[in-house]
Amino acid sequence: MKKRVYTAALLLSGVLCLGGCLKGVKEAENSGGAKPGQKAEEMETAEEPSSAKNGEEGRGAKSREGEREVESGKKAILVVSFGTSYNDSREVTIGAIEKAIAGKFPEFEVRRAFTSQIIIDKLKERDGLAVDNVEEALERAEADNVTTLIVQPTHLMDGFEYMDLAEALEGYKERFSKVSLAAPLLSSDADYKAVVQAITANTASYDDGETAICFMGHGTEADSNTVYKKLQETLKEEGFFNYYIGTVEAEPTLKDLTEALKEAGIYKKVVLEPLMVVSGDHANNDMAGDDKDSWKNVLEAEGYEVTCILRGLGELSEIRDIYADHSQNAIDQTAD
């Protein structure tokens, strides 16, 4: 009898012990403690899958957030200019155009690129100033997660440089969600009239009946060189008969300009101003320089009293407004 009671007591003790152990295991699992038979160093190892899982979920959420960022993306306007090594003129022309565009489109980041590698290299060597060329600027925009890219050139016309820009941009179109190339300055009849109003309004003080106001353009061998002839015609259509257009490297030439002034036979004075965005090398040397063949000296030799205005088109708010309008048109083209 005592033997059976003793056996029952042992069995009851075992059940109670087992229950206590199971309860301890459950509490350990809920509290993150060690499991039965688990060594202390194995605890951290055993927790890693849970932490890694949480980390993967975190990275997944971050990745999804990143995907949302890519979807909405950044918006940028890349202002592309030939460039200039004349620092003062650059800031009040190219810099002013960039600021005007940035002011009108605050939701866009405005960036800069130059097409002249010679100028880029000179600025870096002389001033320690780094400016991207077009390819570098496009690569940088892609790396910075720009998805909507507007490219606004400060060119006057769709000449060789503009065509080169369009070709370069074509190779990057697949890298951005939305890309649009804006028009150069002189692209429509409205542009010609707006430019005429701008240049005449800003030289009106010289219009005294005996002064010829002459603008020096760059000129190009491209078909787009006809913009100078059309601008001259627009000046006449708008009633500005004492305004003349010439070019440094194409037509109309300085000789054509001089003959036109002589033919008019009424001018004693000549005002010279560049028909270029920047008042750079051509304006300072070919137009107003001391060399015998500069426009200033050639016209003075013809007996005219010559005044040179070293002012780039980019300094005129009316011109900056035209570029901003063209950027708006390009932005509209990217709208869904």
C-alpha atoms as a PDB file:
ATOM      1  CA  MET A   1       0.000   0.000   0.000  1.00  0.00           C
ATOM      2  CA  LYS A   2       2.766   2.413   0.935  1.00  0.00           C
ATOM      3  CA  LYS A   3       4.519   1.509  -2.312  1.00  0.00           C
ATOM      4  CA  ARG A   4       1.466   2.481  -4.413  1.00  0.00           C
ATOM      5  CA  VAL A   5       1.067   5.785  -2.523  1.00  0.00           C
ATOM      6  CA  TYR A   6       4.748   6.560  -3.014  1.00  0.00           C
ATOM      7  CA  THR A   7       4.471   5.816  -6.775  1.00  0.00           C
ATOM      8  CA  ALA A   8       1.412   8.066  -7.125  1.00  0.00           C
ATOM      9  CA  ALA A   9       3.255  10.830  -5.315  1.00  0.00           C
ATOM     10  CA  LEU A  10       6.145  10.538  -7.723  1.00  0.00           C
ATOM     11  CA  LEU A  11       3.796  10.709 -10.706  1.00  0.00           C
ATOM     12  CA  LEU A  12       2.042  13.803  -9.317  1.00  0.00           C
ATOM     13  CA  SER A  13       5.357  15.476  -8.655  1.00  0.00           C
ATOM     14  CA  GLY A  14       6.441  14.806 -12.249  1.00  0.00           C
ATOM     15  CA  VAL A  15       3.233  16.307 -13.657  1.00  0.00           C
ATOM     16  CA  LEU A  16       3.639  19.431 -11.528  1.00  0.00           C
ATOM     17  CA  CYS A  17       7.284  19.771 -12.570  1.00  0.00           C
ATOM     18  CA  LEU A  18       6.395  19.363 -16.237  1.00  0.00           C
ATOM     19  CA  GLY A  19       3.702  22.003 -15.963  1.00  0.00           C
ATOM     20  CA  GLY A  20       6.112  24.418 -14.323  1.00  0.00           C
ATOM     21  CA  CYS A  21       8.718  23.828 -17.012  1.00  0.00           C
ATOM     22  CA  LEU A  22       6.213  24.399 -19.798  1.00  0.00           C
ATOM     23  CA  LYS A  23       5.105  27.631 -18.126  1.00  0.00           C
ATOM     24  CA  GLY A  24       8.738  28.746 -17.848  1.00  0.00           C
ATOM     25  CA  VAL A  25       9.324  28.038 -21.528  1.00  0.00           C
ATOM     26  CA  LYS A  26       6.271  30.042 -22.527  1.00  0.00           C
ATOM     27  CA  GLU A  27       7.334  32.990 -20.327  1.00  0.00           C
ATOM     28  CA  ALA A  28      10.842  32.816 -21.747  1.00  0.00           C
ATOM     29  CA  GLU A  29       9.535  32.917 -25.334  1.00  0.00           C
ATOM     30  CA  ASN A  30       7.236  35.848 -24.566  1.00  0.00           C
ATOM     31  CA  SER A  31      10.011  37.796 -22.838  1.00  0.00           C
ATOM     32  CA  GLY A  32      12.671  37.052 -25.446  1.00  0.00           C
ATOM     33  CA  GLY A  33      14.713  35.050 -22.972  1.00  0.00           C
ATOM     34  CA  ALA A  34      16.654  31.859 -23.577  1.00  0.00           C
ATOM     35  CA  LYS A  35      14.832  28.709 -24.492  1.00  0.00           C
ATOM     36  CA  PRO A  36      15.418  25.508 -22.571  1.00  0.00           C
ATOM     37  CA  GLY A  37      18.896  24.189 -23.258  1.00  0.00           C
ATOM     38  CA  GLN A  38      19.892  27.322 -25.171  1.00  0.00           C
ATOM     39  CA  LYS A  39      23.312  28.835 -24.419  1.00  0.00           C
ATOM     40  CA  ALA A  40      23.680  32.549 -23.807  1.00  0.00           C
ATOM     41  CA  GLU A  41      25.759  33.125 -26.964  1.00  0.00           C
ATOM     42  CA  GLU A  42      23.104  31.318 -29.024  1.00  0.00           C
ATOM     43  CA  MET A  43      20.447  33.844 -27.967  1.00  0.00           C
ATOM     44  CA  GLU A  44      21.822  36.698 -30.121  1.00  0.00           C
ATOM     45  CA  THR A  45      22.232  34.324 -33.043  1.00  0.00           C
ATOM     46  CA  ALA A  46      18.718  33.088 -32.664  1.00  0.00           C
ATOM     47  CA  GLU A  47      17.386  36.676 -32.627  1.00  0.00           C
ATOM     48  CA  GLU A  48      19.147  37.653 -35.877  1.00  0.00           C
ATOM     49  CA  PRO A  49      16.542  36.224 -38.269  1.00  0.00           C
ATOM     50  CA  SER A  50      13.863  38.318 -36.545  1.00  0.00           C
ATOM     51  CA  SER A  51      16.015  41.467 -36.692  1.00  0.00           C
ATOM     52  CA  ALA A  52      17.004  40.757 -40.279  1.00  0.00           C
ATOM     53  CA  LYS A  53      13.379  40.302 -41.175  1.00  0.00           C
ATOM     54  CA  ASN A  54      12.524  43.633 -39.611  1.00  0.00           C
ATOM     55  CA  GLY A  55      15.475  45.165 -41.419  1.00  0.00           C
ATOM     56  CA  GLU A  56      14.319  43.738 -44.744  1.00  0.00           C
ATOM     57  CA  GLU A  57      10.872  45.125 -44.131  1.00  0.00           C
ATOM     58  CA  GLY A  58      12.455  48.486 -43.336  1.00  0.00           C
ATOM     59  CA  ARG A  59      14.571  48.383 -46.454  1.00  0.00           C
ATOM     60  CA  GLY A  60      11.563  47.327 -48.429  1.00  0.00           C
ATOM     61  CA  ALA A  61       9.612  50.296 -47.123  1.00  0.00           C
ATOM     62  CA  LYS A  62      12.548  52.560 -47.886  1.00  0.00           C
ATOM     63  CA  SER A  63      12.757  51.077 -51.374  1.00  0.00           C
ATOM     64  CA  ARG A  64       9.084  51.671 -51.918  1.00  0.00           C
ATOM     65  CA  GLU A  65       9.547  55.212 -50.685  1.00  0.00           C
ATOM     66  CA  GLY A  66      12.394  55.527 -53.133  1.00  0.00           C
ATOM     67  CA  GLU A  67      10.183  54.253 -55.906  1.00  0.00           C
ATOM     68  CA  ARG A  68       7.603  56.880 -55.040  1.00  0.00           C
ATOM     69  CA  GLU A  69      10.364  59.465 -55.185  1.00  0.00           C
ATOM     70  CA  VAL A  70      11.437  58.222 -58.595  1.00  0.00           C
ATOM     71  CA  GLU A  71       7.854  58.297 -59.766  1.00  0.00           C
ATOM     72  CA  SER A  72       7.325  61.899 -58.720  1.00  0.00           C
ATOM     73  CA  GLY A  73      11.011  62.671 -59.118  1.00  0.00           C
ATOM     74  CA  LYS A  74      12.834  65.971 -59.264  1.00  0.00           C
ATOM     75  CA  LYS A  75      12.149  68.696 -61.780  1.00  0.00           C
ATOM     76  CA  ALA A  76      14.981  70.682 -63.293  1.00  0.00           C
ATOM     77  CA  ILE A  77      15.538  73.303 -65.959  1.00  0.00           C
ATOM     78  CA  LEU A  78      18.966  73.089 -67.538  1.00  0.00           C
ATOM     79  CA  VAL A  79      19.946  76.476 -68.960  1.00  0.00           C
ATOM     80  CA  VAL A  80      22.485  75.879 -71.726  1.00  0.00           C
ATOM     81  CA  SER A  81      24.691  78.739 -72.906  1.00  0.00           C
ATOM     82  CA  PHE A  82      27.770  79.040 -75.063  1.00  0.00           C
ATOM     83  CA  GLY A  83      29.485  80.561 -72.055  1.00  0.00           C
ATOM     84  CA  THR A  84      31.906  83.424 -71.489  1.00  0.00           C
ATOM     85  CA  SER A  85      35.126  84.037 -69.604  1.00  0.00           C
ATOM     86  CA  TYR A  86      34.032  87.615 -68.855  1.00  0.00           C
ATOM     87  CA  ASN A  87      32.920  87.131 -65.261  1.00  0.00           C
ATOM     88  CA  ASP A  88      31.081  90.433 -64.799  1.00  0.00           C
ATOM     89  CA  SER A  89      29.097  90.043 -67.986  1.00  0.00           C
ATOM     90  CA  ARG A  90      28.315  86.402 -67.239  1.00  0.00           C
ATOM     91  CA  GLU A  91      26.600  87.238 -63.971  1.00  0.00           C
ATOM     92  CA  VAL A  92      24.389  90.001 -65.391  1.00  0.00           C
ATOM     93  CA  THR A  93      23.443  88.064 -68.515  1.00  0.00           C
ATOM     94  CA  ILE A  94      23.522  84.270 -68.222  1.00  0.00           C
ATOM     95  CA  GLY A  95      23.187  84.473 -64.454  1.00  0.00           C
ATOM     96  CA  ALA A  96      20.301  86.919 -64.764  1.00  0.00           C
ATOM     97  CA  ILE A  97      18.465  84.665 -67.220  1.00  0.00           C
ATOM     98  CA  GLU A  98      18.886  81.710 -64.874  1.00  0.00           C
ATOM     99  CA  LYS A  99      17.577  83.754 -61.939  1.00  0.00           C
ATOM    100  CA  ALA A 100      14.583  84.949 -63.953  1.00  0.00           C
ATOM    101  CA  ILE A 101      13.679  81.377 -64.881  1.00  0.00           C
ATOM    102  CA  ALA A 102      14.186  80.192 -61.307  1.00  0.00           C
ATOM    103  CA  GLY A 103      11.929  82.970 -60.051  1.00  0.00           C
ATOM    104  CA  LYS A 104       9.145  82.048 -62.438  1.00  0.00           C
ATOM    105  CA  PHE A 105       9.366  78.300 -61.824  1.00  0.00           C
ATOM    106  CA  PRO A 106      10.162  77.779 -58.121  1.00  0.00           C
ATOM    107  CA  GLU A 107       9.141  74.122 -58.337  1.00  0.00           C
ATOM    108  CA  PHE A 108      12.076  73.517 -60.701  1.00  0.00           C
ATOM    109  CA  GLU A 109      15.755  73.410 -59.836  1.00  0.00           C
ATOM    110  CA  VAL A 110      17.695  75.552 -62.316  1.00  0.00           C
ATOM    111  CA  ARG A 111      21.043  74.208 -63.477  1.00  0.00           C
ATOM    112  CA  ARG A 112      23.790  75.499 -65.777  1.00  0.00           C
ATOM    113  CA  ALA A 113      25.753  74.047 -68.680  1.00  0.00           C
ATOM    114  CA  PHE A 114      28.083  75.599 -71.271  1.00  0.00           C
ATOM    115  CA  THR A 115      28.668  74.315 -74.782  1.00  0.00           C
ATOM    116  CA  SER A 116      32.161  75.796 -75.172  1.00  0.00           C
ATOM    117  CA  GLN A 117      34.705  73.403 -73.696  1.00  0.00           C
ATOM    118  CA  ILE A 118      37.414  76.020 -74.239  1.00  0.00           C
ATOM    119  CA  ILE A 119      35.595  78.424 -71.941  1.00  0.00           C
ATOM    120  CA  ILE A 120      34.859  75.667 -69.411  1.00  0.00           C
ATOM    121  CA  ASP A 121      38.553  74.728 -69.273  1.00  0.00           C
ATOM    122  CA  LYS A 122      39.638  78.370 -69.019  1.00  0.00           C
ATOM    123  CA  LEU A 123      37.298  79.102 -66.128  1.00  0.00           C
ATOM    124  CA  LYS A 124      38.473  76.021 -64.264  1.00  0.00           C
ATOM    125  CA  GLU A 125      42.166  76.788 -64.760  1.00  0.00           C
ATOM    126  CA  ARG A 126      41.981  80.539 -64.220  1.00  0.00           C
ATOM    127  CA  ASP A 127      39.270  80.889 -61.574  1.00  0.00           C
ATOM    128  CA  GLY A 128      38.798  77.404 -60.158  1.00  0.00           C
ATOM    129  CA  LEU A 129      35.212  77.617 -61.390  1.00  0.00           C
ATOM    130  CA  ALA A 130      33.641  74.315 -62.459  1.00  0.00           C
ATOM    131  CA  VAL A 131      30.901  74.367 -65.083  1.00  0.00           C
ATOM    132  CA  ASP A 132      29.399  71.262 -66.673  1.00  0.00           C
ATOM    133  CA  ASN A 133      29.341  70.719 -70.391  1.00  0.00           C
ATOM    134  CA  VAL A 134      26.070  69.394 -71.797  1.00  0.00           C
ATOM    135  CA  GLU A 135      26.911  65.704 -71.448  1.00  0.00           C
ATOM    136  CA  GLU A 136      28.155  66.152 -67.884  1.00  0.00           C
ATOM    137  CA  ALA A 137      25.034  68.104 -66.962  1.00  0.00           C
ATOM    138  CA  LEU A 138      22.754  65.404 -68.377  1.00  0.00           C
ATOM    139  CA  GLU A 139      24.671  62.663 -66.576  1.00  0.00           C
ATOM    140  CA  ARG A 140      24.495  64.634 -63.349  1.00  0.00           C
ATOM    141  CA  ALA A 141      20.763  65.202 -63.723  1.00  0.00           C
ATOM    142  CA  GLU A 142      20.171  61.480 -64.164  1.00  0.00           C
ATOM    143  CA  ALA A 143      22.373  60.624 -61.171  1.00  0.00           C
ATOM    144  CA  ASP A 144      20.479  63.157 -59.050  1.00  0.00           C
ATOM    145  CA  ASN A 145      17.156  61.491 -59.839  1.00  0.00           C
ATOM    146  CA  VAL A 146      15.819  64.262 -62.062  1.00  0.00           C
ATOM    147  CA  THR A 147      12.853  62.789 -63.909  1.00  0.00           C
ATOM    148  CA  THR A 148      11.379  65.904 -65.544  1.00  0.00           C
ATOM    149  CA  LEU A 149      14.023  67.822 -67.457  1.00  0.00           C
ATOM    150  CA  ILE A 150      13.502  71.040 -69.401  1.00  0.00           C
ATOM    151  CA  VAL A 151      16.455  72.240 -71.459  1.00  0.00           C
ATOM    152  CA  GLN A 152      16.434  75.974 -72.168  1.00  0.00           C
ATOM    153  CA  PRO A 153      19.166  77.226 -74.498  1.00  0.00           C
ATOM    154  CA  THR A 154      20.149  80.885 -74.490  1.00  0.00           C
ATOM    155  CA  HIS A 155      20.972  80.686 -78.201  1.00  0.00           C
ATOM    156  CA  LEU A 156      19.507  83.331 -80.483  1.00  0.00           C
ATOM    157  CA  MET A 157      18.515  80.859 -83.169  1.00  0.00           C
ATOM    158  CA  ASP A 158      18.321  77.201 -84.083  1.00  0.00           C
ATOM    159  CA  GLY A 159      21.805  77.181 -85.592  1.00  0.00           C
ATOM    160  CA  PHE A 160      24.546  74.551 -85.407  1.00  0.00           C
ATOM    161  CA  GLU A 161      24.892  74.776 -81.629  1.00  0.00           C
ATOM    162  CA  TYR A 162      21.180  74.382 -81.099  1.00  0.00           C
ATOM    163  CA  MET A 163      21.110  71.391 -83.450  1.00  0.00           C
ATOM    164  CA  ASP A 164      24.058  69.829 -81.607  1.00  0.00           C
ATOM    165  CA  LEU A 165      22.203  70.319 -78.334  1.00  0.00           C
ATOM    166  CA  ALA A 166      19.075  68.685 -79.729  1.00  0.00           C
ATOM    167  CA  GLU A 167      21.145  65.731 -80.943  1.00  0.00           C
ATOM    168  CA  ALA A 168      22.872  65.316 -77.584  1.00  0.00           C
ATOM    169  CA  LEU A 169      19.546  65.439 -75.760  1.00  0.00           C
ATOM    170  CA  GLU A 170      18.069  62.810 -78.039  1.00  0.00           C
ATOM    171  CA  GLY A 171      20.546  60.273 -76.692  1.00  0.00           C
ATOM    172  CA  TYR A 172      19.349  60.876 -73.125  1.00  0.00           C
ATOM    173  CA  LYS A 173      15.587  60.973 -73.607  1.00  0.00           C
ATOM    174  CA  GLU A 174      15.086  57.405 -72.423  1.00  0.00           C
ATOM    175  CA  ARG A 175      16.841  58.191 -69.144  1.00  0.00           C
ATOM    176  CA  PHE A 176      14.218  60.690 -68.013  1.00  0.00           C
ATOM    177  CA  SER A 177      10.474  60.365 -67.624  1.00  0.00           C
ATOM    178  CA  LYS A 178       9.810  63.702 -69.310  1.00  0.00           C
ATOM    179  CA  VAL A 179      12.186  65.758 -71.442  1.00  0.00           C
ATOM    180  CA  SER A 180      11.528  68.886 -73.464  1.00  0.00           C
ATOM    181  CA  LEU A 181      13.872  71.154 -75.417  1.00  0.00           C
ATOM    182  CA  ALA A 182      12.749  74.780 -75.299  1.00  0.00           C
ATOM    183  CA  ALA A 183      13.029  77.184 -78.211  1.00  0.00           C
ATOM    184  CA  PRO A 184      15.882  79.673 -78.726  1.00  0.00           C
ATOM    185  CA  LEU A 185      15.289  83.427 -78.533  1.00  0.00           C
ATOM    186  CA  LEU A 186      14.128  84.095 -82.102  1.00  0.00           C
ATOM    187  CA  SER A 187      11.631  81.366 -82.905  1.00  0.00           C
ATOM    188  CA  SER A 188       8.352  83.058 -83.880  1.00  0.00           C
ATOM    189  CA  ASP A 189       7.026  86.305 -85.326  1.00  0.00           C
ATOM    190  CA  ALA A 190       6.027  87.290 -81.813  1.00  0.00           C
ATOM    191  CA  ASP A 191       9.636  86.754 -80.689  1.00  0.00           C
ATOM    192  CA  TYR A 192      10.977  89.067 -83.387  1.00  0.00           C
ATOM    193  CA  LYS A 193       8.557  91.808 -82.420  1.00  0.00           C
ATOM    194  CA  ALA A 194       9.333  91.375 -78.735  1.00  0.00           C
ATOM    195  CA  VAL A 195      13.087  91.581 -79.381  1.00  0.00           C
ATOM    196  CA  VAL A 196      12.609  94.676 -81.537  1.00  0.00           C
ATOM    197  CA  GLN A 197      10.603  96.346 -78.798  1.00  0.00           C
ATOM    198  CA  ALA A 198      13.251  95.423 -76.225  1.00  0.00           C
ATOM    199  CA  ILE A 199      16.307  96.696 -78.089  1.00  0.00           C
ATOM    200  CA  THR A 200      14.633  99.888 -79.296  1.00  0.00           C
ATOM    201  CA  ALA A 201      13.167 100.746 -75.893  1.00  0.00           C
ATOM    202  CA  ASN A 202      16.587 100.364 -74.278  1.00  0.00           C
ATOM    203  CA  THR A 203      18.331 102.607 -76.840  1.00  0.00           C
ATOM    204  CA  ALA A 204      15.570 105.188 -77.294  1.00  0.00           C
ATOM    205  CA  SER A 205      17.683 107.926 -75.685  1.00  0.00           C
ATOM    206  CA  TYR A 206      20.082 107.805 -78.644  1.00  0.00           C
ATOM    207  CA  ASP A 207      17.315 108.217 -81.231  1.00  0.00           C
ATOM    208  CA  ASP A 208      17.835 111.870 -82.176  1.00  0.00           C
ATOM    209  CA  GLY A 209      17.373 111.732 -85.947  1.00  0.00           C
ATOM    210  CA  GLU A 210      21.062 111.826 -86.807  1.00  0.00           C
ATOM    211  CA  THR A 211      22.284 108.716 -85.018  1.00  0.00           C
ATOM    212  CA  ALA A 212      22.314 105.208 -86.473  1.00  0.00           C
ATOM    213  CA  ILE A 213      21.884 102.507 -83.858  1.00  0.00           C
ATOM    214  CA  CYS A 214      23.682  99.378 -85.015  1.00  0.00           C
ATOM    215  CA  PHE A 215      23.643  95.916 -83.468  1.00  0.00           C
ATOM    216  CA  MET A 216      26.449  93.435 -84.013  1.00  0.00           C
ATOM    217  CA  GLY A 217      25.349  89.812 -84.255  1.00  0.00           C
ATOM    218  CA  HIS A 218      27.632  86.808 -84.400  1.00  0.00           C
ATOM    219  CA  GLY A 219      26.447  85.228 -87.638  1.00  0.00           C
ATOM    220  CA  THR A 220      26.489  81.609 -88.733  1.00  0.00           C
ATOM    221  CA  GLU A 221      26.929  79.514 -91.854  1.00  0.00           C
ATOM    222  CA  ALA A 222      23.733  77.668 -90.967  1.00  0.00           C
ATOM    223  CA  ASP A 223      20.502  78.456 -92.784  1.00  0.00           C
ATOM    224  CA  SER A 224      19.266  80.087 -89.606  1.00  0.00           C
ATOM    225  CA  ASN A 225      21.509  83.091 -90.373  1.00  0.00           C
ATOM    226  CA  THR A 226      18.387  84.492 -92.046  1.00  0.00           C
ATOM    227  CA  VAL A 227      17.220  85.602 -88.579  1.00  0.00           C
ATOM    228  CA  TYR A 228      19.330  88.751 -88.964  1.00  0.00           C
ATOM    229  CA  LYS A 229      17.625  89.698 -92.218  1.00  0.00           C
ATOM    230  CA  LYS A 230      14.221  89.026 -90.695  1.00  0.00           C
ATOM    231  CA  LEU A 231      15.057  91.073 -87.626  1.00  0.00           C
ATOM    232  CA  GLN A 232      16.090  93.975 -89.875  1.00  0.00           C
ATOM    233  CA  GLU A 233      12.814  93.690 -91.759  1.00  0.00           C
ATOM    234  CA  THR A 234      10.863  93.610 -88.508  1.00  0.00           C
ATOM    235  CA  LEU A 235      12.615  96.781 -87.361  1.00  0.00           C
ATOM    236  CA  LYS A 236      11.453  98.558 -90.506  1.00  0.00           C
ATOM    237  CA  GLU A 237       7.949  97.144 -90.224  1.00  0.00           C
ATOM    238  CA  GLU A 238       7.748  98.527 -86.694  1.00  0.00           C
ATOM    239  CA  GLY A 239       8.928 101.956 -87.904  1.00  0.00           C
ATOM    240  CA  PHE A 240      12.536 101.883 -86.703  1.00  0.00           C
ATOM    241  CA  PHE A 241      14.393 102.952 -89.838  1.00  0.00           C
ATOM    242  CA  ASN A 242      17.549 104.156 -88.098  1.00  0.00           C
ATOM    243  CA  TYR A 243      18.326 100.703 -86.644  1.00  0.00           C
ATOM    244  CA  TYR A 244      20.728  98.377 -88.434  1.00  0.00           C
ATOM    245  CA  ILE A 245      21.855  94.765 -88.007  1.00  0.00           C
ATOM    246  CA  GLY A 246      25.272  93.384 -88.966  1.00  0.00           C
ATOM    247  CA  THR A 247      27.292  90.267 -88.123  1.00  0.00           C
ATOM    248  CA  VAL A 248      30.908  89.432 -87.330  1.00  0.00           C
ATOM    249  CA  GLU A 249      31.197  86.134 -89.176  1.00  0.00           C
ATOM    250  CA  ALA A 250      28.402  86.087 -91.765  1.00  0.00           C
ATOM    251  CA  GLU A 251      25.990  88.456 -93.502  1.00  0.00           C
ATOM    252  CA  PRO A 252      25.184  91.305 -93.315  1.00  0.00           C
ATOM    253  CA  THR A 253      28.861  92.216 -92.966  1.00  0.00           C
ATOM    254  CA  LEU A 254      30.396  95.378 -91.553  1.00  0.00           C
ATOM    255  CA  LYS A 255      30.913  96.489 -95.141  1.00  0.00           C
ATOM    256  CA  ASP A 256      27.199  96.003 -95.855  1.00  0.00           C
ATOM    257  CA  LEU A 257      26.400  98.006 -92.750  1.00  0.00           C
ATOM    258  CA  THR A 258      28.760 100.849 -93.663  1.00  0.00           C
ATOM    259  CA  GLU A 259      27.314 101.103 -97.167  1.00  0.00           C
ATOM    260  CA  ALA A 260      23.776 101.240 -95.761  1.00  0.00           C
ATOM    261  CA  LEU A 261      24.751 104.122 -93.468  1.00  0.00           C
ATOM    262  CA  LYS A 262      26.354 106.035 -96.326  1.00  0.00           C
ATOM    263  CA  GLU A 263      23.351 105.453 -98.531  1.00  0.00           C
ATOM    264  CA  ALA A 264      21.052 106.931 -95.892  1.00  0.00           C
ATOM    265  CA  GLY A 265      23.250 110.038 -95.847  1.00  0.00           C
ATOM    266  CA  ILE A 266      21.757 111.489 -92.658  1.00  0.00           C
ATOM    267  CA  TYR A 267      23.898 110.091 -89.874  1.00  0.00           C
ATOM    268  CA  LYS A 268      26.663 111.846 -87.989  1.00  0.00           C
ATOM    269  CA  LYS A 269      26.862 109.453 -85.071  1.00  0.00           C
ATOM    270  CA  VAL A 270      26.728 105.686 -84.643  1.00  0.00           C
ATOM    271  CA  VAL A 271      25.856 103.680 -81.561  1.00  0.00           C
ATOM    272  CA  LEU A 272      27.203 100.106 -81.461  1.00  0.00           C
ATOM    273  CA  GLU A 273      25.782  97.368 -79.260  1.00  0.00           C
ATOM    274  CA  PRO A 274      26.138  93.567 -79.395  1.00  0.00           C
ATOM    275  CA  LEU A 275      23.177  91.495 -80.535  1.00  0.00           C
ATOM    276  CA  MET A 276      24.427  88.683 -78.329  1.00  0.00           C
ATOM    277  CA  VAL A 277      23.303  87.348 -74.982  1.00  0.00           C
ATOM    278  CA  VAL A 278      26.686  88.137 -73.431  1.00  0.00           C
ATOM    279  CA  SER A 279      28.945  91.119 -73.944  1.00  0.00           C
ATOM    280  CA  GLY A 280      32.052  89.007 -74.330  1.00  0.00           C
ATOM    281  CA  ASP A 281      35.062  88.748 -76.590  1.00  0.00           C
ATOM    282  CA  HIS A 282      33.330  89.804 -79.811  1.00  0.00           C
ATOM    283  CA  ALA A 283      31.788  92.863 -78.185  1.00  0.00           C
ATOM    284  CA  ASN A 284      34.927  93.959 -76.355  1.00  0.00           C
ATOM    285  CA  ASN A 285      37.360  93.306 -79.184  1.00  0.00           C
ATOM    286  CA  ASP A 286      35.695  92.960 -82.603  1.00  0.00           C
ATOM    287  CA  MET A 287      33.183  95.708 -81.889  1.00  0.00           C
ATOM    288  CA  ALA A 288      34.789  98.103 -79.406  1.00  0.00           C
ATOM    289  CA  GLY A 289      38.445  97.064 -79.511  1.00  0.00           C
ATOM    290  CA  ASP A 290      41.513  99.128 -80.340  1.00  0.00           C
ATOM    291  CA  ASP A 291      42.534  97.151 -83.425  1.00  0.00           C
ATOM    292  CA  LYS A 292      42.306  98.940 -86.735  1.00  0.00           C
ATOM    293  CA  ASP A 293      39.653  96.568 -88.051  1.00  0.00           C
ATOM    294  CA  SER A 294      37.279  96.811 -85.073  1.00  0.00           C
ATOM    295  CA  TRP A 295      33.838  98.116 -85.930  1.00  0.00           C
ATOM    296  CA  LYS A 296      34.428 101.185 -83.812  1.00  0.00           C
ATOM    297  CA  ASN A 297      37.649 102.172 -85.573  1.00  0.00           C
ATOM    298  CA  VAL A 298      36.374 101.357 -89.060  1.00  0.00           C
ATOM    299  CA  LEU A 299      33.308 103.564 -88.573  1.00  0.00           C
ATOM    300  CA  GLU A 300      35.341 106.338 -86.959  1.00  0.00           C
ATOM    301  CA  ALA A 301      37.596 106.247 -90.005  1.00  0.00           C
ATOM    302  CA  GLU A 302      34.454 106.853 -92.093  1.00  0.00           C
ATOM    303  CA  GLY A 303      33.874 110.043 -90.125  1.00  0.00           C
ATOM    304  CA  TYR A 304      31.229 108.929 -87.648  1.00  0.00           C
ATOM    305  CA  GLU A 305      31.243 109.716 -83.951  1.00  0.00           C
ATOM    306  CA  VAL A 306      30.979 106.258 -82.388  1.00  0.00           C
ATOM    307  CA  THR A 307      29.575 105.248 -78.997  1.00  0.00           C
ATOM    308  CA  CYS A 308      29.912 101.623 -77.853  1.00  0.00           C
ATOM    309  CA  ILE A 309      27.451 100.059 -75.416  1.00  0.00           C
ATOM    310  CA  LEU A 310      28.952  96.929 -73.880  1.00  0.00           C
ATOM    311  CA  ARG A 311      25.666  95.380 -72.828  1.00  0.00           C
ATOM    312  CA  GLY A 312      24.545  91.831 -73.550  1.00  0.00           C
ATOM    313  CA  LEU A 313      20.948  91.021 -74.410  1.00  0.00           C
ATOM    314  CA  GLY A 314      20.696  88.990 -71.222  1.00  0.00           C
ATOM    315  CA  GLU A 315      20.817  92.234 -69.247  1.00  0.00           C
ATOM    316  CA  LEU A 316      17.422  93.254 -70.625  1.00  0.00           C
ATOM    317  CA  SER A 317      14.458  92.069 -68.571  1.00  0.00           C
ATOM    318  CA  GLU A 318      12.321  91.881 -71.705  1.00  0.00           C
ATOM    319  CA  ILE A 319      14.739  89.383 -73.241  1.00  0.00           C
ATOM    320  CA  ARG A 320      14.810  87.315 -70.066  1.00  0.00           C
ATOM    321  CA  ASP A 321      11.013  87.218 -70.150  1.00  0.00           C
ATOM    322  CA  ILE A 322      11.099  85.710 -73.650  1.00  0.00           C
ATOM    323  CA  TYR A 323      13.351  82.887 -72.488  1.00  0.00           C
ATOM    324  CA  ALA A 324      11.087  82.278 -69.491  1.00  0.00           C
ATOM    325  CA  ASP A 325       8.065  82.131 -71.811  1.00  0.00           C
ATOM    326  CA  HIS A 326       9.838  79.549 -73.942  1.00  0.00           C
ATOM    327  CA  SER A 327      10.572  77.509 -70.826  1.00  0.00           C
ATOM    328  CA  GLN A 328       6.874  77.658 -69.970  1.00  0.00           C
ATOM    329  CA  ASN A 329       5.973  76.363 -73.421  1.00  0.00           C
ATOM    330  CA  ALA A 330       8.419  73.480 -72.973  1.00  0.00           C
ATOM    331  CA  ILE A 331       6.975  72.688 -69.545  1.00  0.00           C
ATOM    332  CA  ASP A 332       3.472  72.671 -71.015  1.00  0.00           C
ATOM    333  CA  GLN A 333       4.602  70.095 -73.550  1.00  0.00           C
ATOM    334  CA  THR A 334       5.533  67.716 -70.736  1.00  0.00           C
ATOM    335  CA  ALA A 335       2.138  68.007 -69.048  1.00  0.00           C
ATOM    336  CA  ASP A 336       0.094  64.828 -68.908  1.00  0.00           C
END
